C-alpha atoms as a PDB file:
ATOM      1  CA  MET A   1     -21.581 -17.904 -12.062  1.00  0.00           C
ATOM      2  CA  VAL A   2     -18.903 -20.070 -11.229  1.00  0.00           C
ATOM      3  CA  LYS A   3     -19.360 -21.659  -8.170  1.00  0.00           C
ATOM      4  CA  PHE A   4     -16.205 -23.465  -6.113  1.00  0.00           C
ATOM      5  CA  SER A   5     -16.144 -25.849  -4.000  1.00  0.00           C
ATOM      6  CA  LYS A   6     -14.588 -25.797  -0.510  1.00  0.00           C
ATOM      7  CA  SER A   7     -11.346 -27.590  -1.890  1.00  0.00           C
ATOM      8  CA  ASP A   8     -11.224 -24.899  -4.070  1.00  0.00           C
ATOM      9  CA  ILE A   9     -11.527 -22.777  -1.397  1.00  0.00           C
ATOM     10  CA  SER A  10      -8.830 -24.148   0.682  1.00  0.00           C
ATOM     11  CA  LEU A  11      -6.448 -24.558  -2.420  1.00  0.00           C
ATOM     12  CA  ILE A  12      -6.938 -20.590  -3.392  1.00  0.00           C
ATOM     13  CA  VAL A  13      -6.354 -19.833  -0.026  1.00  0.00           C
ATOM     14  CA  LEU A  14      -3.565 -22.091   0.421  1.00  0.00           C
ATOM     15  CA  ALA A  15      -2.053 -20.406  -2.672  1.00  0.00           C
ATOM     16  CA  ALA A  16      -2.648 -17.024  -1.904  1.00  0.00           C
ATOM     17  CA  PHE A  17      -0.603 -17.903   1.270  1.00  0.00           C
ATOM     18  CA  VAL A  18       2.365 -19.121  -0.650  1.00  0.00           C
ATOM     19  CA  GLY A  19       1.932 -16.614  -2.877  1.00  0.00           C
ATOM     20  CA  PHE A  20       2.458 -13.975  -0.147  1.00  0.00           C
ATOM     21  CA  LEU A  21       5.154 -15.621   1.443  1.00  0.00           C
ATOM     22  CA  VAL A  22       7.233 -15.671  -1.944  1.00  0.00           C
ATOM     23  CA  LEU A  23       6.479 -12.213  -2.508  1.00  0.00           C
ATOM     24  CA  LEU A  24       7.485 -11.736   1.251  1.00  0.00           C
ATOM     25  CA  TYR A  25      10.724 -13.510   0.957  1.00  0.00           C
ATOM     26  CA  ILE A  26      11.272 -11.851  -2.864  1.00  0.00           C
ATOM     27  CA  PHE A  27      11.185  -8.511  -1.064  1.00  0.00           C
ATOM     28  CA  ARG A  28      13.462  -9.619   2.138  1.00  0.00           C
ATOM     29  CA  LEU A  29      15.923 -11.219  -0.744  1.00  0.00           C
ATOM     30  CA  ILE A  30      15.703  -7.660  -2.398  1.00  0.00           C
ATOM     31  CA  GLY A  31      16.474  -5.965   1.004  1.00  0.00           C
ATOM     32  CA  LYS A  32      19.441  -8.035   1.748  1.00  0.00           C
ATOM     33  CA  ILE A  33      21.398  -7.031  -1.674  1.00  0.00           C
ATOM     34  CA  ILE A  34      23.606  -4.231   0.107  1.00  0.00           C
ATOM     35  CA  VAL A  35      26.467  -2.328  -1.555  1.00  0.00           C
ATOM     36  CA  VAL A  36      28.967  -1.315   0.581  1.00  0.00           C
ATOM     37  CA  GLU A  37      30.845   2.354  -0.821  1.00  0.00           C
ATOM     38  CA  GLN A  38      34.875   2.526  -0.847  1.00  0.00           C
ATOM     39  CA  GLY A  39      36.138   3.221   2.789  1.00  0.00           C
ATOM     40  CA  THR A  40      33.559   1.592   4.663  1.00  0.00           C
ATOM     41  CA  CYS A  41      32.241  -2.196   5.902  1.00  0.00           C
ATOM     42  CA  VAL A  42      29.869  -4.055   7.176  1.00  0.00           C
ATOM     43  CA  ILE A  43      30.249  -6.255   9.982  1.00  0.00           C
ATOM     44  CA  VAL A  44      27.104  -9.469   9.299  1.00  0.00           C
ATOM     45  CA  GLU A  45      26.349 -11.533  11.935  1.00  0.00           C
ATOM     46  CA  ARG A  46      24.412 -15.177  11.657  1.00  0.00           C
ATOM     47  CA  LEU A  47      22.188 -15.875  14.102  1.00  0.00           C
ATOM     48  CA  GLY A  48      23.680 -13.465  16.093  1.00  0.00           C
ATOM     49  CA  ARG A  49      27.169 -14.990  15.967  1.00  0.00           C
ATOM     50  CA  PHE A  50      29.743 -12.827  14.036  1.00  0.00           C
ATOM     51  CA  HIS A  51      29.983 -14.404  10.426  1.00  0.00           C
ATOM     52  CA  ARG A  52      32.180 -12.098   7.704  1.00  0.00           C
ATOM     53  CA  LYS A  53      33.687  -8.473   7.247  1.00  0.00           C
ATOM     54  CA  LEU A  54      31.863  -6.754   4.024  1.00  0.00           C
ATOM     55  CA  ASP A  55      34.183  -4.442   1.827  1.00  0.00           C
ATOM     56  CA  HIS A  56      33.108  -2.401  -1.121  1.00  0.00           C
ATOM     57  CA  GLY A  57      31.332  -4.197  -3.480  1.00  0.00           C
ATOM     58  CA  ILE A  58      27.528  -5.471  -3.711  1.00  0.00           C
ATOM     59  CA  HIS A  59      26.599  -8.386  -1.364  1.00  0.00           C
ATOM     60  CA  VAL A  60      23.807 -10.786  -0.718  1.00  0.00           C
ATOM     61  CA  LEU A  61      22.769 -11.786   2.677  1.00  0.00           C
ATOM     62  CA  VAL A  62      20.691 -14.516   3.622  1.00  0.00           C
ATOM     63  CA  PRO A  63      17.432 -13.014   4.492  1.00  0.00           C
ATOM     64  CA  PHE A  64      16.215 -14.312   8.629  1.00  0.00           C
ATOM     65  CA  LEU A  65      19.450 -15.509   8.974  1.00  0.00           C
ATOM     66  CA  ASP A  66      22.108 -12.879   8.119  1.00  0.00           C
ATOM     67  CA  THR A  67      21.867  -9.396  10.086  1.00  0.00           C
ATOM     68  CA  ILE A  68      23.927  -6.116  10.396  1.00  0.00           C
ATOM     69  CA  ARG A  69      26.216  -5.032  13.424  1.00  0.00           C
ATOM     70  CA  PRO A  70      26.192  -1.982  13.865  1.00  0.00           C
ATOM     71  CA  LEU A  71      28.737   0.271  15.344  1.00  0.00           C
ATOM     72  CA  LEU A  72      27.606   2.885  18.226  1.00  0.00           C
ATOM     73  CA  TRP A  73      29.036   6.045  17.861  1.00  0.00           C
ATOM     74  CA  ARG A  74      28.784   9.315  19.788  1.00  0.00           C
ATOM     75  CA  TYR A  75      29.413  13.014  18.827  1.00  0.00           C
ATOM     76  CA  THR A  76      29.738  16.081  19.742  1.00  0.00           C
ATOM     77  CA  GLU A  77      28.003  19.166  17.921  1.00  0.00           C
ATOM     78  CA  THR A  78      28.959  22.774  18.738  1.00  0.00           C
ATOM     79  CA  TYR A  79      26.458  25.432  18.593  1.00  0.00           C
ATOM     80  CA  TYR A  80      26.440  29.316  20.697  1.00  0.00           C
ATOM     81  CA  ASP A  81      23.314  30.661  22.590  1.00  0.00           C
ATOM     82  CA  SER A  82      20.752  32.282  18.919  1.00  0.00           C
ATOM     83  CA  ASN A  83      20.105  34.920  22.103  1.00  0.00           C
ATOM     84  CA  ILE A  84      23.784  36.033  22.460  1.00  0.00           C
ATOM     85  CA  ASP A  85      26.359  37.906  19.918  1.00  0.00           C
ATOM     86  CA  VAL A  86      28.899  34.660  18.695  1.00  0.00           C
ATOM     87  CA  THR A  87      32.097  36.944  19.542  1.00  0.00           C
ATOM     88  CA  GLN A  88      30.542  36.969  23.379  1.00  0.00           C
ATOM     89  CA  GLY A  89      29.029  34.103  23.407  1.00  0.00           C
ATOM     90  CA  LYS A  90      29.863  31.090  25.221  1.00  0.00           C
ATOM     91  CA  LYS A  91      30.545  27.641  23.224  1.00  0.00           C
ATOM     92  CA  ASN A  92      27.884  24.787  23.726  1.00  0.00           C
ATOM     93  CA  TYR A  93      27.884  21.351  23.245  1.00  0.00           C
ATOM     94  CA  LYS A  94      25.080  18.712  22.048  1.00  0.00           C
ATOM     95  CA  VAL A  95      26.283  14.907  22.985  1.00  0.00           C
ATOM     96  CA  PHE A  96      24.302  12.966  20.234  1.00  0.00           C
ATOM     97  CA  GLN A  97      24.147   8.893  20.422  1.00  0.00           C
ATOM     98  CA  LYS A  98      24.002   7.260  16.611  1.00  0.00           C
ATOM     99  CA  SER A  99      24.512   3.075  15.231  1.00  0.00           C
ATOM    100  CA  TYR A 100      26.242   3.540  12.236  1.00  0.00           C
ATOM    101  CA  GLN A 101      25.813  -0.075   9.997  1.00  0.00           C
ATOM    102  CA  ARG A 102      28.570   0.489   7.188  1.00  0.00           C
ATOM    103  CA  ILE A 103      31.786   1.214   9.456  1.00  0.00           C
ATOM    104  CA  ASP A 104      34.187   4.207   8.235  1.00  0.00           C
ATOM    105  CA  VAL A 105      37.711   3.154   7.880  1.00  0.00           C
ATOM    106  CA  ARG A 106      39.226   5.943   6.546  1.00  0.00           C
ATOM    107  CA  GLU A 107      41.111   8.182   8.317  1.00  0.00           C
ATOM    108  CA  SER A 108      38.602  10.953  10.589  1.00  0.00           C
ATOM    109  CA  VAL A 109      39.075  13.605  13.264  1.00  0.00           C
ATOM    110  CA  MET A 110      37.466  13.269  16.680  1.00  0.00           C
ATOM    111  CA  ASP A 111      37.114  16.409  18.419  1.00  0.00           C
ATOM    112  CA  PHE A 112      36.216  16.800  22.269  1.00  0.00           C
ATOM    113  CA  PRO A 113      34.546  19.576  23.954  1.00  0.00           C
ATOM    114  CA  LEU A 114      36.782  21.926  26.659  1.00  0.00           C
ATOM    115  CA  GLN A 115      37.737  19.897  30.017  1.00  0.00           C
ATOM    116  CA  SER A 116      38.185  21.161  32.794  1.00  0.00           C
ATOM    117  CA  ILE A 117      41.984  20.349  34.222  1.00  0.00           C
ATOM    118  CA  ILE A 118      43.682  21.189  37.932  1.00  0.00           C
ATOM    119  CA  THR A 119      47.244  21.741  37.329  1.00  0.00           C
ATOM    120  CA  ARG A 120      50.239  20.671  40.307  1.00  0.00           C
ATOM    121  CA  ASP A 121      50.262  24.494  41.271  1.00  0.00           C
ATOM    122  CA  ASN A 122      46.111  24.160  41.587  1.00  0.00           C
ATOM    123  CA  VAL A 123      45.383  26.367  38.680  1.00  0.00           C
ATOM    124  CA  LYS A 124      42.275  25.305  36.451  1.00  0.00           C
ATOM    125  CA  ILE A 125      42.869  25.856  33.322  1.00  0.00           C
ATOM    126  CA  LYS A 126      40.454  24.329  30.784  1.00  0.00           C
ATOM    127  CA  ILE A 127      42.239  21.943  27.858  1.00  0.00           C
ATOM    128  CA  HIS A 128      40.446  21.518  24.364  1.00  0.00           C
ATOM    129  CA  PRO A 129      42.065  17.977  22.706  1.00  0.00           C
ATOM    130  CA  MET A 130      41.939  16.329  19.088  1.00  0.00           C
ATOM    131  CA  LEU A 131      42.225  13.439  17.920  1.00  0.00           C
ATOM    132  CA  ILE A 132      43.232  12.062  14.116  1.00  0.00           C
ATOM    133  CA  TYR A 133      42.666   8.289  13.875  1.00  0.00           C
ATOM    134  CA  LYS A 134      41.632   5.454  12.270  1.00  0.00           C
ATOM    135  CA  ILE A 135      39.716   2.356  12.318  1.00  0.00           C
ATOM    136  CA  VAL A 136      41.960  -0.646  11.567  1.00  0.00           C
ATOM    137  CA  ASP A 137      40.560  -3.597  12.779  1.00  0.00           C
ATOM    138  CA  PRO A 138      36.225  -3.149  12.448  1.00  0.00           C
ATOM    139  CA  ILE A 139      35.400  -6.378  14.088  1.00  0.00           C
ATOM    140  CA  ARG A 140      37.157  -5.064  17.774  1.00  0.00           C
ATOM    141  CA  ALA A 141      35.894  -1.707  16.899  1.00  0.00           C
ATOM    142  CA  VAL A 142      32.624  -3.590  17.335  1.00  0.00           C
ATOM    143  CA  TYR A 143      32.620  -6.173  19.798  1.00  0.00           C
ATOM    144  CA  GLU A 144      35.794  -5.314  21.838  1.00  0.00           C
ATOM    145  CA  VAL A 145      34.245  -2.028  23.234  1.00  0.00           C
ATOM    146  CA  TYR A 146      30.581  -0.902  23.994  1.00  0.00           C
ATOM    147  CA  ASP A 147      30.489   2.341  23.009  1.00  0.00           C
ATOM    148  CA  LEU A 148      34.376   3.230  21.006  1.00  0.00           C
ATOM    149  CA  ALA A 149      33.821   7.198  21.178  1.00  0.00           C
ATOM    150  CA  LEU A 150      32.641   7.581  24.533  1.00  0.00           C
ATOM    151  CA  CYS A 151      35.402   5.199  26.041  1.00  0.00           C
ATOM    152  CA  VAL A 152      37.569   7.203  23.899  1.00  0.00           C
ATOM    153  CA  GLU A 153      37.010   9.981  25.161  1.00  0.00           C
ATOM    154  CA  LYS A 154      37.435   9.137  29.022  1.00  0.00           C
ATOM    155  CA  LEU A 155      40.537   7.874  28.365  1.00  0.00           C
ATOM    156  CA  VAL A 156      41.525  11.170  27.248  1.00  0.00           C
ATOM    157  CA  GLN A 157      40.602  13.303  30.004  1.00  0.00           C
ATOM    158  CA  THR A 158      41.853  10.608  32.677  1.00  0.00           C
ATOM    159  CA  THR A 159      45.127  10.616  30.463  1.00  0.00           C
ATOM    160  CA  LEU A 160      45.377  14.288  30.222  1.00  0.00           C
ATOM    161  CA  ARG A 161      44.288  14.832  33.842  1.00  0.00           C
ATOM    162  CA  SER A 162      47.124  12.798  34.941  1.00  0.00           C
ATOM    163  CA  ILE A 163      49.718  14.154  32.597  1.00  0.00           C
ATOM    164  CA  ILE A 164      48.860  17.814  33.662  1.00  0.00           C
ATOM    165  CA  GLY A 165      48.541  17.143  37.075  1.00  0.00           C
ATOM    166  CA  ASP A 166      52.181  16.441  37.312  1.00  0.00           C
ATOM    167  CA  MET A 167      52.898  19.630  35.696  1.00  0.00           C
ATOM    168  CA  GLY A 168      52.654  23.441  36.418  1.00  0.00           C
ATOM    169  CA  LEU A 169      50.623  25.957  34.925  1.00  0.00           C
ATOM    170  CA  ASP A 170      53.898  27.813  33.149  1.00  0.00           C
ATOM    171  CA  ASP A 171      54.888  23.799  31.920  1.00  0.00           C
ATOM    172  CA  THR A 172      51.342  23.181  30.674  1.00  0.00           C
ATOM    173  CA  CYS A 173      51.443  26.695  28.715  1.00  0.00           C
ATOM    174  CA  ALA A 174      55.245  26.262  27.394  1.00  0.00           C
ATOM    175  CA  SER A 175      55.297  21.653  26.950  1.00  0.00           C
ATOM    176  CA  ARG A 176      52.227  21.333  24.462  1.00  0.00           C
ATOM    177  CA  GLU A 177      54.409  19.355  22.144  1.00  0.00           C
ATOM    178  CA  GLU A 178      55.442  17.152  24.803  1.00  0.00           C
ATOM    179  CA  ILE A 179      51.762  16.407  26.398  1.00  0.00           C
ATOM    180  CA  ASN A 180      51.228  15.662  22.446  1.00  0.00           C
ATOM    181  CA  LYS A 181      53.906  13.283  23.142  1.00  0.00           C
ATOM    182  CA  ILE A 182      52.894  11.463  26.402  1.00  0.00           C
ATOM    183  CA  LEU A 183      49.364  11.325  25.811  1.00  0.00           C
ATOM    184  CA  SER A 184      49.841   9.427  22.414  1.00  0.00           C
ATOM    185  CA  GLN A 185      52.473   7.099  23.607  1.00  0.00           C
ATOM    186  CA  LYS A 186      49.875   6.670  26.810  1.00  0.00           C
ATOM    187  CA  ILE A 187      46.893   5.881  24.936  1.00  0.00           C
ATOM    188  CA  SER A 188      48.091   4.440  22.107  1.00  0.00           C
ATOM    189  CA  PRO A 189      47.958   1.029  23.117  1.00  0.00           C
ATOM    190  CA  VAL A 190      44.579   1.177  24.598  1.00  0.00           C
ATOM    191  CA  PHE A 191      43.293   2.145  21.052  1.00  0.00           C
ATOM    192  CA  LEU A 192      44.887  -0.453  19.173  1.00  0.00           C
ATOM    193  CA  ASN A 193      43.291  -3.513  21.818  1.00  0.00           C
ATOM    194  CA  TRP A 194      40.122  -1.686  20.544  1.00  0.00           C
ATOM    195  CA  GLY A 195      40.843  -1.790  16.789  1.00  0.00           C
ATOM    196  CA  PHE A 196      41.603   2.187  16.847  1.00  0.00           C
ATOM    197  CA  LYS A 197      44.945   3.644  15.473  1.00  0.00           C
ATOM    198  CA  LEU A 198      46.232   6.780  16.735  1.00  0.00           C
ATOM    199  CA  LEU A 199      47.173   8.982  14.110  1.00  0.00           C
ATOM    200  CA  LYS A 200      47.795  11.581  15.834  1.00  0.00           C
ATOM    201  CA  ALA A 201      47.303  13.574  19.436  1.00  0.00           C
ATOM    202  CA  GLU A 202      47.038  17.572  19.225  1.00  0.00           C
ATOM    203  CA  ILE A 203      45.918  20.068  22.582  1.00  0.00           C
ATOM    204  CA  LEU A 204      44.192  22.357  20.520  1.00  0.00           C
ATOM    205  CA  GLU A 205      43.499  24.925  23.217  1.00  0.00           C
ATOM    206  CA  ILE A 206      45.015  25.924  26.661  1.00  0.00           C
ATOM    207  CA  LEU A 207      42.769  28.221  28.333  1.00  0.00           C
ATOM    208  CA  PRO A 208      43.430  29.693  31.783  1.00  0.00           C
ATOM    209  CA  SER A 209      40.482  31.129  34.150  1.00  0.00           C
ATOM    210  CA  ARG A 210      39.854  34.761  33.487  1.00  0.00           C
ATOM    211  CA  SER A 211      41.803  36.005  36.809  1.00  0.00           C
ATOM    212  CA  ILE A 212      45.167  33.944  35.805  1.00  0.00           C
ATOM    213  CA  GLN A 213      44.688  34.942  32.163  1.00  0.00           C
ATOM    214  CA  VAL A 214      44.915  39.057  33.470  1.00  0.00           C
ATOM    215  CA  ALA A 215      47.443  38.148  35.795  1.00  0.00           C
ATOM    216  CA  MET A 216      49.427  36.094  33.140  1.00  0.00           C
ATOM    217  CA  HIS A 217      49.409  39.760  31.219  1.00  0.00           C
ATOM    218  CA  LYS A 218      50.423  41.405  33.783  1.00  0.00           C
ATOM    219  CA  GLN A 219      53.383  39.145  34.022  1.00  0.00           C
ATOM    220  CA  ILE A 220      54.584  39.639  30.557  1.00  0.00           C
ATOM    221  CA  ALA A 221      53.737  43.410  30.839  1.00  0.00           C
ATOM    222  CA  ALA A 222      56.197  43.105  33.371  1.00  0.00           C
ATOM    223  CA  GLU A 223      58.608  40.483  32.202  1.00  0.00           C
ATOM    224  CA  ARG A 224      58.779  42.598  28.553  1.00  0.00           C
ATOM    225  CA  LEU A 225      59.437  46.211  30.562  1.00  0.00           C
ATOM    226  CA  ARG A 226      62.361  44.369  33.027  1.00  0.00           C
ATOM    227  CA  ARG A 227      63.999  43.249  29.039  1.00  0.00           C
ATOM    228  CA  ALA A 228      63.804  46.809  27.566  1.00  0.00           C
ATOM    229  CA  ASN A 229      65.238  48.137  31.418  1.00  0.00           C
ATOM    230  CA  ILE A 230      67.425  45.834  30.678  1.00  0.00           C
ATOM    231  CA  ILE A 231      68.793  45.817  27.174  1.00  0.00           C
ATOM    232  CA  SER A 232      68.381  50.097  27.836  1.00  0.00           C
ATOM    233  CA  ALA A 233      70.762  49.709  30.379  1.00  0.00           C
ATOM    234  CA  GLU A 234      72.945  47.139  28.416  1.00  0.00           C
ATOM    235  CA  GLY A 235      73.008  49.834  25.460  1.00  0.00           C
ATOM    236  CA  PHE A 236      74.060  52.969  27.926  1.00  0.00           C
ATOM    237  CA  ARG A 237      76.588  50.242  29.133  1.00  0.00           C
ATOM    238  CA  GLU A 238      78.406  49.511  26.105  1.00  0.00           C
ATOM    239  CA  GLN A 239      77.737  52.874  24.661  1.00  0.00           C
ATOM    240  CA  THR A 240      80.096  54.027  27.767  1.00  0.00           C
ATOM    241  CA  LYS A 241      82.403  51.629  27.103  1.00  0.00           C
ATOM    242  CA  THR A 242      82.576  52.445  23.901  1.00  0.00           C
ATOM    243  CA  GLU A 243      83.250  56.121  24.291  1.00  0.00           C
ATOM    244  CA  ALA A 244      85.914  54.988  27.076  1.00  0.00           C
ATOM    245  CA  GLU A 245      87.565  52.785  24.191  1.00  0.00           C
ATOM    246  CA  GLY A 246      87.688  55.590  22.082  1.00  0.00           C
ATOM    247  CA  ASP A 247      89.002  58.236  24.584  1.00  0.00           C
ATOM    248  CA  SER A 248      91.811  55.654  25.572  1.00  0.00           C
ATOM    249  CA  GLN A 249      92.691  54.957  21.814  1.00  0.00           C
ATOM    250  CA  ALA A 250      92.725  58.581  21.559  1.00  0.00           C
ATOM    251  CA  THR A 251      95.172  58.837  24.100  1.00  0.00           C
ATOM    252  CA  ILE A 252      97.189  55.739  23.247  1.00  0.00           C
ATOM    253  CA  SER A 253      97.716  57.429  19.697  1.00  0.00           C
ATOM    254  CA  ILE A 254      98.210  60.962  20.712  1.00  0.00           C
ATOM    255  CA  SER A 255     100.498  59.274  23.227  1.00  0.00           C
ATOM    256  CA  LYS A 256     102.190  57.196  20.715  1.00  0.00           C
ATOM    257  CA  GLY A 257     102.594  60.458  18.041  1.00  0.00           C
ATOM    258  CA  THR A 258     104.314  62.119  21.163  1.00  0.00           C
ATOM    259  CA  GLN A 259     106.876  60.037  21.434  1.00  0.00           C
ATOM    260  CA  GLN A 260     107.482  59.860  18.036  1.00  0.00           C
ATOM    261  CA  VAL A 261     108.077  63.055  17.324  1.00  0.00           C
ATOM    262  CA  SER A 262     110.000  63.097  20.695  1.00  0.00           C
ATOM    263  CA  ILE A 263     112.453  60.511  18.637  1.00  0.00           C
ATOM    264  CA  ILE A 264     112.462  62.441  15.793  1.00  0.00           C
ATOM    265  CA  THR A 265     113.501  65.099  16.956  1.00  0.00           C
ATOM    266  CA  ALA A 266     115.814  63.910  19.684  1.00  0.00           C
ATOM    267  CA  ARG A 267     117.488  62.121  16.321  1.00  0.00           C
ATOM    268  CA  ALA A 268     117.357  65.398  15.078  1.00  0.00           C
ATOM    269  CA  HIS A 269     119.518  67.140  17.661  1.00  0.00           C
ATOM    270  CA  ALA A 270     121.798  64.353  17.464  1.00  0.00           C
ATOM    271  CA  GLU A 271     122.006  64.167  13.619  1.00  0.00           C
ATOM    272  CA  SER A 272     123.022  67.954  14.712  1.00  0.00           C
ATOM    273  CA  LYS A 273     125.021  67.604  17.112  1.00  0.00           C
ATOM    274  CA  ILE A 274     126.930  65.011  15.243  1.00  0.00           C
ATOM    275  CA  ILE A 275     127.234  67.421  12.258  1.00  0.00           C
ATOM    276  CA  GLN A 276     128.207  70.085  14.461  1.00  0.00           C
ATOM    277  CA  ALA A 277     131.259  67.931  16.181  1.00  0.00           C
ATOM    278  CA  GLN A 278     131.824  67.096  12.375  1.00  0.00           C
ATOM    279  CA  ALA A 279     132.080  70.205  11.079  1.00  0.00           C
ATOM    280  CA  GLU A 280     133.845  71.436  14.270  1.00  0.00           C
ATOM    281  CA  ALA A 281     136.302  68.078  13.355  1.00  0.00           C
ATOM    282  CA  GLU A 282     136.900  69.209  10.320  1.00  0.00           C
ATOM    283  CA  SER A 283     137.434  72.952  11.536  1.00  0.00           C
ATOM    284  CA  ILE A 284     140.049  72.066  13.955  1.00  0.00           C
ATOM    285  CA  LYS A 285     141.713  69.729  11.393  1.00  0.00           C
ATOM    286  CA  ILE A 286     141.910  72.545   9.184  1.00  0.00           C
ATOM    287  CA  ILE A 287     143.029  74.817  11.660  1.00  0.00           C
ATOM    288  CA  GLY A 288     146.139  72.194  13.358  1.00  0.00           C
ATOM    289  CA  ASP A 289     146.958  72.192   9.844  1.00  0.00           C
ATOM    290  CA  ALA A 290     147.326  75.905  10.103  1.00  0.00           C
ATOM    291  CA  LEU A 291     149.180  76.215  12.707  1.00  0.00           C
ATOM    292  CA  GLN A 292     151.561  73.320  11.805  1.00  0.00           C
ATOM    293  CA  GLU A 293     153.552  76.153  10.295  1.00  0.00           C
ATOM    294  CA  TYR A 294     154.077  78.091  12.992  1.00  0.00           C
ATOM    295  CA  ASN A 295     154.957  75.144  15.198  1.00  0.00           C
ATOM    296  CA  ILE A 296     151.376  75.677  17.425  1.00  0.00           C
ATOM    297  CA  GLU A 297     149.408  72.869  19.115  1.00  0.00           C
ATOM    298  CA  PRO A 298     145.650  72.505  17.888  1.00  0.00           C
ATOM    299  CA  THR A 299     144.863  71.688  22.099  1.00  0.00           C
ATOM    300  CA  GLN A 300     146.832  74.903  22.922  1.00  0.00           C
ATOM    301  CA  TYR A 301     144.926  77.324  20.071  1.00  0.00           C
ATOM    302  CA  ILE A 302     141.140  75.488  21.679  1.00  0.00           C
ATOM    303  CA  ILE A 303     141.989  76.337  24.961  1.00  0.00           C
ATOM    304  CA  GLY A 304     143.038  79.820  24.698  1.00  0.00           C
ATOM    305  CA  MET A 305     140.074  80.520  22.286  1.00  0.00           C
ATOM    306  CA  LYS A 306     137.651  78.857  25.375  1.00  0.00           C
ATOM    307  CA  TYR A 307     139.104  80.751  27.633  1.00  0.00           C
ATOM    308  CA  ILE A 308     138.802  84.187  25.506  1.00  0.00           C
ATOM    309  CA  THR A 309     135.578  83.514  24.701  1.00  0.00           C
ATOM    310  CA  THR A 310     134.945  82.596  28.641  1.00  0.00           C
ATOM    311  CA  LEU A 311     136.178  86.324  29.639  1.00  0.00           C
ATOM    312  CA  LEU A 312     133.862  87.901  26.899  1.00  0.00           C
ATOM    313  CA  ASP A 313     131.204  86.381  28.832  1.00  0.00           C
ATOM    314  CA  MET A 314     132.100  87.193  32.437  1.00  0.00           C
ATOM    315  CA  ALA A 315     132.564  90.831  31.229  1.00  0.00           C
ATOM    316  CA  LYS A 316     129.299  91.140  29.468  1.00  0.00           C
ATOM    317  CA  ARG A 317     127.464  89.868  33.034  1.00  0.00           C
ATOM    318  CA  ALA A 318     129.034  91.895  35.188  1.00  0.00           C
ATOM    319  CA  LYS A 319     130.616  95.646  35.270  1.00  0.00           C
ATOM    320  CA  VAL A 320     134.226  95.173  37.101  1.00  0.00           C
ATOM    321  CA  VAL A 321     135.117  91.650  37.371  1.00  0.00           C
ATOM    322  CA  SER A 322     138.447  90.923  38.659  1.00  0.00           C
ATOM    323  CA  VAL A 323     140.564  87.922  37.630  1.00  0.00           C
ATOM    324  CA  GLN A 324     143.308  86.681  39.134  1.00  0.00           C
ATOM    325  CA  LEU A 325     145.774  84.191  36.922  1.00  0.00           C
ATOM    326  CA  PRO A 326     149.608  82.832  37.699  1.00  0.00           C
ATOM    327  CA  TYR A 327     151.497  83.934  35.399  1.00  0.00           C
ATOM    328  CA  GLN A 328     153.170  80.895  34.456  1.00  0.00           C
ATOM    329  CA  SER A 329     149.854  78.982  33.781  1.00  0.00           C
ATOM    330  CA  ASN A 330     149.487  76.727  30.561  1.00  0.00           C
ATOM    331  CA  VAL A 331     146.781  79.002  29.902  1.00  0.00           C
ATOM    332  CA  MET A 332     148.511  82.457  29.654  1.00  0.00           C
ATOM    333  CA  GLY A 333     151.252  80.718  28.804  1.00  0.00           C
ATOM    334  CA  ALA A 334     148.647  79.664  25.275  1.00  0.00           C
ATOM    335  CA  VAL A 335     147.097  83.157  25.021  1.00  0.00           C
ATOM    336  CA  LYS A 336     150.731  84.705  24.872  1.00  0.00           C
ATOM    337  CA  LYS A 337     151.120  82.183  22.142  1.00  0.00           C
ATOM    338  CA  LEU A 338     148.409  83.256  20.248  1.00  0.00           C
END
């Protein structure tokens, strides 16, 4: 049996203690070897002060000196009451707070619960905002603000109340794009001071109260009925106008046709009279040529023939006709020579 002296025992204890320290250091050293994934980073502090930022890759920290500064983050989960049908149940939200040693620098979405806001016309509505963001400066995100997610949520909430508080219900429902634009312009500079870049702000839902929704539905139904009546009246007016224009055009066309017929008839009568006159002129010329052999004037012949025709007409219209003519008149002389 080997016997150890007190000095040997002291050396053995000292060696064991040193070995324990060495093993502890080795384990601590192994624990300080970290792998940073692509799209994330790690903030390292040395003796309580910022030391460096670790990007993707393998890194070794100094044991007992270097520590990782976590990012405090708050997130919300949505759930429905399990005892109620999902289609009829009410949304509930749970808020969780967690510290992340690895900071995600990729684009992400921050969804907020419904927020109650009162419009300018004292109507209570609920707004569901959503942000698309990216952490561009992890150092600022860790050191400039204590709870980044909570600060972002409260800033969005107060800004929306300021914007929508100056708008009526109708303007709020119809100006979603304008609200998104104003919201982005107001909160983006503050976010940059926190190392937080806003890529897009979006209002997902605008929900008035139940009574307001019923009133809006009634208003929409009345508006649609009014528009239908207006369209029907305009259609009847256009129909009446078209029929009147058609009747007017028909009357104008008939008048033009009658006018054309009258013109053509008048031209035909005129041409007939011209032809008749030309025929009479030809006949008078022929008669005149024939009467020249007997030294009789054509004029006297025509007057005499007209006179005889007139006497015949008068005789036909009356039973007793008494005509007294001077014997020495030119007419009788003309008839005498016939």
